[in-house]
Amino acid sequence: MVDFQTGNIVVEPKTEERYIEDASALQKKIDSLPQVVGTSARLKTSGNFRYKEKEIGATVCGIGPADEAFVTGLEGGYNKRGIPEQAP
């Protein structure tokens, strides 16, 4: 387990590519290595959010909550559907 937002190794798409082809198969291959304790795949994109006359740019990150909790320890920040929970 890693106590950071990213792990020891980050796999990204090749230059000029937007995503990794068959990312699930690659993740299974990486998971099968004896040195690997766990993996967590993410989908990341950026965009603009607009409400009335206000607009803000943001990065949106999609995660698998169970994998993410195991790998990075972020389990306290998301509910069962992967939506961030409000701090008390």
Protein backbone atom coordinates (compact mmCIF):
# COMPACT_ATOMS: atom_id res chain seq x y z
CA MET A 1 0.00 0.00 0.00
CA VAL A 2 1.13 3.55 -0.77
CA ASP A 3 0.10 6.60 1.26
CA PHE A 4 0.15 8.96 -1.70
CA GLN A 5 -2.16 9.95 -4.51
CA THR A 6 -0.03 7.96 -6.96
CA GLY A 7 1.90 4.75 -6.45
CA ASN A 8 5.47 3.72 -7.02
CA ILE A 9 4.87 3.23 -10.74
CA VAL A 10 2.54 5.23 -12.99
CA VAL A 11 1.62 3.80 -16.40
CA GLU A 12 0.38 6.36 -18.92
CA PRO A 13 -0.62 6.24 -22.59
CA LYS A 14 2.07 6.54 -25.24
CA THR A 15 2.89 10.02 -26.51
CA GLU A 16 0.15 11.31 -28.84
CA GLU A 17 -2.34 8.70 -27.53
CA ARG A 18 -5.35 9.56 -25.36
CA TYR A 19 -5.75 6.22 -23.60
CA ILE A 20 -4.18 2.79 -23.12
CA GLU A 21 -5.59 0.11 -25.44
CA ASP A 22 -7.02 -2.82 -23.44
CA ALA A 23 -6.08 -1.28 -20.09
CA SER A 24 -7.85 -4.11 -18.21
CA ALA A 25 -5.56 -6.73 -19.75
CA LEU A 26 -2.50 -4.62 -18.93
CA GLN A 27 -3.69 -4.21 -15.34
CA LYS A 28 -4.16 -7.99 -14.99
CA LYS A 29 -0.66 -8.55 -16.37
CA ILE A 30 0.83 -6.09 -13.88
CA ASP A 31 -1.21 -7.61 -11.01
CA SER A 32 0.23 -11.04 -11.86
CA LEU A 33 3.81 -9.92 -11.15
CA PRO A 34 5.01 -11.36 -7.82
CA GLN A 35 6.46 -8.00 -6.70
CA VAL A 36 3.13 -6.17 -7.16
CA VAL A 37 0.85 -5.90 -4.13
CA GLY A 38 -2.01 -4.09 -5.89
CA THR A 39 -3.00 -1.79 -8.74
CA SER A 40 -5.59 0.89 -9.27
CA ALA A 41 -6.70 2.08 -12.70
CA ARG A 42 -7.91 5.63 -13.25
CA LEU A 43 -9.65 7.51 -16.02
CA LYS A 44 -8.63 11.14 -16.17
CA THR A 45 -9.86 14.01 -18.30
CA SER A 46 -10.25 17.74 -18.07
CA GLY A 47 -13.10 20.02 -18.87
CA ASN A 48 -15.01 23.14 -17.96
CA PHE A 49 -17.91 23.42 -15.58
CA ARG A 50 -20.32 26.24 -16.27
CA TYR A 51 -23.19 27.57 -14.20
CA LYS A 52 -24.94 30.73 -15.33
CA GLU A 53 -22.11 33.23 -15.97
CA LYS A 54 -19.48 31.35 -13.94
CA GLU A 55 -17.04 28.88 -15.49
CA ILE A 56 -14.16 26.92 -14.02
CA GLY A 57 -11.72 24.40 -15.49
CA ALA A 58 -11.10 21.14 -13.65
CA THR A 59 -9.53 17.72 -13.91
CA VAL A 60 -11.99 14.87 -13.42
CA CYS A 61 -10.68 11.52 -12.23
CA GLY A 62 -12.67 8.28 -12.32
CA ILE A 63 -11.55 5.50 -9.98
CA GLY A 64 -12.48 2.01 -8.83
CA PRO A 65 -13.16 2.72 -5.13
CA ALA A 66 -12.18 -0.74 -3.83
CA ASP A 67 -8.88 -0.85 -5.75
CA GLU A 68 -8.10 2.77 -4.90
CA ALA A 69 -8.77 2.18 -1.19
CA PHE A 70 -6.44 -0.82 -1.14
CA VAL A 71 -3.62 0.84 -3.08
CA THR A 72 -3.69 4.45 -1.80
CA GLY A 73 -5.77 4.33 1.38
CA LEU A 74 -8.34 6.85 0.13
CA GLU A 75 -11.26 4.74 1.31
CA GLY A 76 -12.48 7.33 3.80
CA GLY A 77 -13.06 9.91 1.10
CA TYR A 78 -15.56 8.09 -1.12
CA ASN A 79 -18.92 6.45 -0.62
CA LYS A 80 -19.92 3.08 -2.12
CA ARG A 81 -20.71 4.64 -5.51
CA GLY A 82 -17.33 6.40 -5.68
CA ILE A 83 -18.71 9.85 -4.88
CA PRO A 84 -16.62 11.92 -2.45
CA GLU A 85 -18.19 12.22 0.97
CA GLN A 86 -18.50 15.48 2.83
CA ALA A 87 -16.11 15.97 5.74
CA PRO A 88 -17.90 16.11 9.11
